[in-house]
Amino acid sequence: MAARSGSPASASEKKLSNIENELLAFSAENLQNNMKVTFYSRTFLSIIGGVVAGILGLTGLKGFILYFIIMAVGSLGVITKAKFDIHEYFDSWNRVILDGITGGLMSFVLFWTYPSASS
């Protein structure tokens, strides 16, 4: 059955072709590599931040505030490196902002307490 140009069937076909054109294709290997690099950079920043917090003698809430500032700066660095086009390199904003924060927190606390305990 042929549809006329003004019929609802042709409008739905146009919507379908627009949706197909807007679908993004992701490479699973590239996404996994991007997440691995982001995770390693967060871990590195956590270790360096923990050592700095321990050397500065930050205790309690001040140390945790430093950690979250470091994580925010790290996330901003990744976003800047991606030229603010996150969806080209990651599948969601949560991957850049939230993933790896708890694992980094463990490393931060470990290296935060070590310089404090050794002095």
N, C-alpha and C. Protein backbone atom coordinates (compact mmCIF):
# COMPACT_ATOMS: atom_id res chain seq x y z
N MET A 1 0.85 -1.16 0.00
CA MET A 1 0.00 0.00 0.00
C MET A 1 0.89 1.22 0.00
N ALA A 2 0.71 2.10 -0.91
CA ALA A 2 1.50 3.32 -1.02
C ALA A 2 0.87 4.41 -0.17
N ALA A 3 1.71 5.17 0.47
CA ALA A 3 1.22 6.25 1.32
C ALA A 3 1.41 7.58 0.61
N ARG A 4 0.49 8.47 0.83
CA ARG A 4 0.62 9.79 0.25
C ARG A 4 1.59 10.61 1.08
N SER A 5 2.07 11.69 0.50
CA SER A 5 3.08 12.51 1.19
C SER A 5 2.52 13.17 2.44
N GLY A 6 1.26 13.43 2.49
CA GLY A 6 0.69 14.10 3.65
C GLY A 6 0.12 13.14 4.69
N SER A 7 0.19 11.86 4.44
CA SER A 7 -0.40 10.90 5.35
C SER A 7 0.48 10.67 6.58
N PRO A 8 -0.10 10.16 7.69
CA PRO A 8 0.68 9.89 8.90
C PRO A 8 1.76 8.85 8.69
N ALA A 9 1.57 7.94 7.75
CA ALA A 9 2.59 6.90 7.52
C ALA A 9 3.88 7.53 7.03
N SER A 10 3.80 8.51 6.13
CA SER A 10 5.03 9.13 5.63
C SER A 10 5.67 10.00 6.70
N ALA A 11 4.88 10.59 7.57
CA ALA A 11 5.44 11.39 8.67
C ALA A 11 6.21 10.50 9.64
N SER A 12 5.66 9.31 9.89
CA SER A 12 6.37 8.39 10.80
C SER A 12 7.63 7.86 10.15
N GLU A 13 7.60 7.67 8.83
CA GLU A 13 8.80 7.23 8.13
C GLU A 13 9.88 8.30 8.20
N LYS A 14 9.50 9.56 8.11
CA LYS A 14 10.46 10.66 8.20
C LYS A 14 11.08 10.70 9.61
N LYS A 15 10.23 10.51 10.62
CA LYS A 15 10.73 10.50 11.99
C LYS A 15 11.70 9.35 12.19
N LEU A 16 11.35 8.20 11.64
CA LEU A 16 12.21 7.02 11.77
C LEU A 16 13.56 7.25 11.09
N SER A 17 13.55 7.86 9.91
CA SER A 17 14.82 8.12 9.23
C SER A 17 15.64 9.17 9.98
N ASN A 18 14.98 10.14 10.60
CA ASN A 18 15.70 11.14 11.41
C ASN A 18 16.33 10.49 12.63
N ILE A 19 15.60 9.57 13.26
CA ILE A 19 16.14 8.87 14.43
C ILE A 19 17.32 8.02 14.03
N GLU A 20 17.23 7.35 12.89
CA GLU A 20 18.35 6.53 12.43
C GLU A 20 19.58 7.38 12.15
N ASN A 21 19.38 8.58 11.63
CA ASN A 21 20.51 9.47 11.37
C ASN A 21 21.13 10.00 12.65
N GLU A 22 20.34 10.12 13.71
CA GLU A 22 20.83 10.68 14.97
C GLU A 22 21.44 9.63 15.89
N LEU A 23 21.23 8.34 15.62
CA LEU A 23 21.80 7.30 16.47
C LEU A 23 23.32 7.36 16.41
N LEU A 24 23.93 7.25 17.56
CA LEU A 24 25.37 7.27 17.64
C LEU A 24 25.91 5.85 17.67
N ALA A 25 26.97 5.63 16.98
CA ALA A 25 27.62 4.33 17.00
C ALA A 25 28.85 4.41 17.91
N PHE A 26 28.91 3.53 18.89
CA PHE A 26 30.03 3.51 19.82
C PHE A 26 30.88 2.28 19.56
N SER A 27 32.15 2.44 19.72
CA SER A 27 33.05 1.30 19.69
C SER A 27 33.28 0.87 21.14
N ALA A 28 32.94 -0.35 21.45
CA ALA A 28 33.06 -0.84 22.83
C ALA A 28 34.52 -0.80 23.30
N GLU A 29 35.43 -1.11 22.41
CA GLU A 29 36.85 -1.09 22.77
C GLU A 29 37.32 0.32 23.10
N ASN A 30 36.89 1.30 22.31
CA ASN A 30 37.28 2.68 22.57
C ASN A 30 36.67 3.20 23.87
N LEU A 31 35.40 2.87 24.12
CA LEU A 31 34.76 3.28 25.37
C LEU A 31 35.47 2.66 26.57
N GLN A 32 35.82 1.40 26.44
CA GLN A 32 36.51 0.72 27.54
C GLN A 32 37.89 1.33 27.77
N ASN A 33 38.59 1.65 26.71
CA ASN A 33 39.90 2.28 26.85
C ASN A 33 39.78 3.66 27.49
N ASN A 34 38.78 4.45 27.08
CA ASN A 34 38.58 5.77 27.67
C ASN A 34 38.28 5.67 29.16
N MET A 35 37.46 4.69 29.54
CA MET A 35 37.14 4.52 30.96
C MET A 35 38.37 4.06 31.74
N LYS A 36 39.19 3.21 31.14
CA LYS A 36 40.40 2.74 31.82
C LYS A 36 41.36 3.89 32.05
N VAL A 37 41.54 4.75 31.07
CA VAL A 37 42.42 5.91 31.21
C VAL A 37 41.88 6.85 32.28
N THR A 38 40.57 7.07 32.28
CA THR A 38 39.96 7.94 33.29
C THR A 38 40.14 7.34 34.69
N PHE A 39 39.96 6.03 34.83
CA PHE A 39 40.13 5.38 36.12
C PHE A 39 41.57 5.49 36.61
N TYR A 40 42.54 5.27 35.73
CA TYR A 40 43.95 5.37 36.11
C TYR A 40 44.32 6.79 36.50
N SER A 41 43.80 7.77 35.78
CA SER A 41 44.11 9.15 36.13
C SER A 41 43.49 9.53 37.48
N ARG A 42 42.29 9.04 37.76
CA ARG A 42 41.67 9.30 39.07
C ARG A 42 42.48 8.64 40.19
N THR A 43 42.95 7.43 39.95
CA THR A 43 43.75 6.74 40.96
C THR A 43 45.05 7.50 41.21
N PHE A 44 45.70 7.94 40.15
CA PHE A 44 46.94 8.70 40.29
C PHE A 44 46.70 10.01 41.04
N LEU A 45 45.65 10.73 40.68
CA LEU A 45 45.33 11.98 41.37
C LEU A 45 44.99 11.73 42.84
N SER A 46 44.33 10.61 43.12
CA SER A 46 43.99 10.28 44.51
C SER A 46 45.24 10.02 45.34
N ILE A 47 46.20 9.31 44.77
CA ILE A 47 47.43 9.02 45.50
C ILE A 47 48.21 10.30 45.76
N ILE A 48 48.38 11.11 44.73
CA ILE A 48 49.11 12.38 44.90
C ILE A 48 48.37 13.29 45.87
N GLY A 49 47.05 13.36 45.76
CA GLY A 49 46.27 14.19 46.67
C GLY A 49 46.35 13.71 48.11
N GLY A 50 46.36 12.38 48.30
CA GLY A 50 46.48 11.84 49.65
C GLY A 50 47.83 12.16 50.27
N VAL A 51 48.90 12.06 49.49
CA VAL A 51 50.23 12.40 49.99
C VAL A 51 50.30 13.88 50.35
N VAL A 52 49.75 14.73 49.48
CA VAL A 52 49.75 16.18 49.75
C VAL A 52 48.93 16.49 51.00
N ALA A 53 47.77 15.88 51.15
CA ALA A 53 46.95 16.12 52.34
C ALA A 53 47.66 15.66 53.60
N GLY A 54 48.37 14.53 53.52
CA GLY A 54 49.11 14.04 54.68
C GLY A 54 50.28 14.94 55.03
N ILE A 55 51.02 15.42 54.03
CA ILE A 55 52.16 16.31 54.29
C ILE A 55 51.69 17.64 54.85
N LEU A 56 50.56 18.15 54.33
CA LEU A 56 50.03 19.42 54.84
C LEU A 56 49.38 19.27 56.21
N GLY A 57 49.16 18.05 56.64
CA GLY A 57 48.58 17.81 57.96
C GLY A 57 47.09 18.06 58.01
N LEU A 58 46.41 17.95 56.89
CA LEU A 58 44.96 18.14 56.89
C LEU A 58 44.31 16.96 57.59
N THR A 59 43.37 17.25 58.44
CA THR A 59 42.67 16.21 59.18
C THR A 59 41.17 16.39 59.02
N GLY A 60 40.47 15.30 59.16
CA GLY A 60 39.01 15.33 59.17
C GLY A 60 38.39 15.80 57.87
N LEU A 61 37.45 16.69 58.01
CA LEU A 61 36.66 17.16 56.87
C LEU A 61 37.51 17.91 55.85
N LYS A 62 38.54 18.60 56.30
CA LYS A 62 39.39 19.34 55.37
C LYS A 62 40.06 18.42 54.35
N GLY A 63 40.50 17.26 54.79
CA GLY A 63 41.11 16.29 53.88
C GLY A 63 40.12 15.77 52.86
N PHE A 64 38.90 15.48 53.28
CA PHE A 64 37.90 14.99 52.35
C PHE A 64 37.48 16.07 51.36
N ILE A 65 37.43 17.32 51.83
CA ILE A 65 37.12 18.42 50.92
C ILE A 65 38.20 18.54 49.85
N LEU A 66 39.47 18.38 50.26
CA LEU A 66 40.56 18.39 49.29
C LEU A 66 40.38 17.27 48.26
N TYR A 67 39.98 16.10 48.72
CA TYR A 67 39.77 14.98 47.80
C TYR A 67 38.71 15.32 46.76
N PHE A 68 37.58 15.85 47.18
CA PHE A 68 36.51 16.15 46.24
C PHE A 68 36.88 17.30 45.31
N ILE A 69 37.69 18.24 45.78
CA ILE A 69 38.19 19.29 44.89
C ILE A 69 39.10 18.68 43.83
N ILE A 70 39.97 17.77 44.24
CA ILE A 70 40.87 17.12 43.29
C ILE A 70 40.07 16.32 42.26
N MET A 71 39.03 15.62 42.69
CA MET A 71 38.21 14.85 41.76
C MET A 71 37.45 15.77 40.79
N ALA A 72 36.99 16.92 41.29
CA ALA A 72 36.29 17.87 40.42
C ALA A 72 37.25 18.43 39.37
N VAL A 73 38.47 18.74 39.79
CA VAL A 73 39.47 19.25 38.84
C VAL A 73 39.83 18.16 37.83
N GLY A 74 39.95 16.93 38.27
CA GLY A 74 40.22 15.81 37.37
C GLY A 74 39.11 15.61 36.35
N SER A 75 37.87 15.68 36.81
CA SER A 75 36.73 15.55 35.89
C SER A 75 36.70 16.70 34.90
N LEU A 76 36.99 17.89 35.37
CA LEU A 76 37.03 19.05 34.49
C LEU A 76 38.14 18.89 33.45
N GLY A 77 39.27 18.31 33.87
CA GLY A 77 40.36 18.06 32.93
C GLY A 77 39.97 17.08 31.84
N VAL A 78 39.25 16.02 32.21
CA VAL A 78 38.80 15.03 31.22
C VAL A 78 37.79 15.67 30.27
N ILE A 79 36.89 16.46 30.82
CA ILE A 79 35.88 17.13 29.99
C ILE A 79 36.55 18.11 29.03
N THR A 80 37.55 18.84 29.51
CA THR A 80 38.28 19.77 28.65
C THR A 80 39.05 19.03 27.57
N LYS A 81 39.68 17.92 27.94
CA LYS A 81 40.42 17.11 26.97
C LYS A 81 39.49 16.59 25.88
N ALA A 82 38.23 16.29 26.23
CA ALA A 82 37.24 15.83 25.26
C ALA A 82 36.59 16.99 24.51
N LYS A 83 37.09 18.19 24.73
CA LYS A 83 36.58 19.41 24.08
C LYS A 83 35.09 19.60 24.34
N PHE A 84 34.66 19.27 25.55
CA PHE A 84 33.29 19.44 26.03
C PHE A 84 32.28 18.65 25.19
N ASP A 85 32.73 17.68 24.42
CA ASP A 85 31.85 16.81 23.65
C ASP A 85 31.94 15.40 24.24
N ILE A 86 31.36 15.24 25.41
CA ILE A 86 31.47 14.00 26.18
C ILE A 86 30.88 12.81 25.42
N HIS A 87 29.79 13.02 24.73
CA HIS A 87 29.10 11.90 24.09
C HIS A 87 29.88 11.32 22.91
N GLU A 88 30.94 11.96 22.50
CA GLU A 88 31.76 11.38 21.44
C GLU A 88 32.77 10.37 22.02
N TYR A 89 33.12 10.53 23.30
CA TYR A 89 34.14 9.68 23.90
C TYR A 89 33.61 8.77 25.00
N PHE A 90 32.47 9.13 25.60
CA PHE A 90 31.86 8.35 26.68
C PHE A 90 30.38 8.20 26.38
N ASP A 91 29.74 7.23 27.03
CA ASP A 91 28.32 7.03 26.77
C ASP A 91 27.41 7.88 27.65
N SER A 92 27.93 8.46 28.73
CA SER A 92 27.11 9.34 29.56
C SER A 92 27.99 10.25 30.41
N TRP A 93 27.39 11.29 30.93
CA TRP A 93 28.11 12.23 31.81
C TRP A 93 28.52 11.55 33.11
N ASN A 94 27.71 10.62 33.58
CA ASN A 94 28.03 9.92 34.84
C ASN A 94 29.36 9.20 34.77
N ARG A 95 29.72 8.72 33.59
CA ARG A 95 30.99 8.02 33.43
C ARG A 95 32.17 8.95 33.72
N VAL A 96 32.03 10.19 33.35
CA VAL A 96 33.12 11.14 33.53
C VAL A 96 33.13 11.70 34.94
N ILE A 97 31.97 11.99 35.48
CA ILE A 97 31.90 12.70 36.75
C ILE A 97 31.94 11.77 37.96
N LEU A 98 31.25 10.64 37.91
CA LEU A 98 31.07 9.83 39.11
C LEU A 98 31.86 8.53 39.17
N ASP A 99 32.12 7.91 38.03
CA ASP A 99 32.78 6.60 38.05
C ASP A 99 34.20 6.68 38.62
N GLY A 100 34.50 5.77 39.51
CA GLY A 100 35.85 5.68 40.07
C GLY A 100 36.09 6.53 41.31
N ILE A 101 35.09 7.25 41.77
CA ILE A 101 35.30 8.12 42.93
C ILE A 101 35.51 7.31 44.20
N THR A 102 34.75 6.23 44.39
CA THR A 102 34.91 5.46 45.63
C THR A 102 36.23 4.70 45.65
N GLY A 103 36.64 4.15 44.51
CA GLY A 103 37.94 3.47 44.45
C GLY A 103 39.08 4.44 44.68
N GLY A 104 38.95 5.63 44.15
CA GLY A 104 39.96 6.66 44.37
C GLY A 104 39.98 7.12 45.82
N LEU A 105 38.84 7.09 46.47
CA LEU A 105 38.77 7.49 47.87
C LEU A 105 39.58 6.54 48.75
N MET A 106 39.55 5.26 48.44
CA MET A 106 40.34 4.29 49.20
C MET A 106 41.83 4.57 49.07
N SER A 107 42.28 4.85 47.86
CA SER A 107 43.69 5.17 47.63
C SER A 107 44.05 6.47 48.33
N PHE A 108 43.16 7.46 48.26
CA PHE A 108 43.41 8.75 48.91
C PHE A 108 43.61 8.57 50.41
N VAL A 109 42.71 7.85 51.06
CA VAL A 109 42.80 7.65 52.51
C VAL A 109 44.07 6.88 52.87
N LEU A 110 44.41 5.88 52.09
CA LEU A 110 45.61 5.11 52.36
C LEU A 110 46.85 6.00 52.34
N PHE A 111 47.00 6.81 51.31
CA PHE A 111 48.18 7.65 51.20
C PHE A 111 48.06 8.93 52.04
N TRP A 112 46.87 9.27 52.47
CA TRP A 112 46.68 10.41 53.35
C TRP A 112 47.17 10.07 54.76
N THR A 113 46.86 8.86 55.20
CA THR A 113 47.24 8.47 56.55
C THR A 113 48.70 8.04 56.66
N TYR A 114 49.30 7.57 55.59
CA TYR A 114 50.69 7.12 55.65
C TYR A 114 51.67 8.24 56.00
N PRO A 115 51.65 9.40 55.29
CA PRO A 115 52.59 10.47 55.68
C PRO A 115 52.31 11.02 57.08
N SER A 116 51.06 11.01 57.50
CA SER A 116 50.73 11.51 58.83
C SER A 116 51.25 10.57 59.92
N ALA A 117 51.16 9.26 59.68
CA ALA A 117 51.59 8.29 60.66
C ALA A 117 53.11 8.19 60.73
N SER A 118 53.79 8.47 59.63
CA SER A 118 55.26 8.32 59.63
C SER A 118 55.97 9.55 60.18
N SER A 119 55.27 10.66 60.41
CA SER A 119 55.96 11.84 60.95
C SER A 119 56.00 11.88 62.44
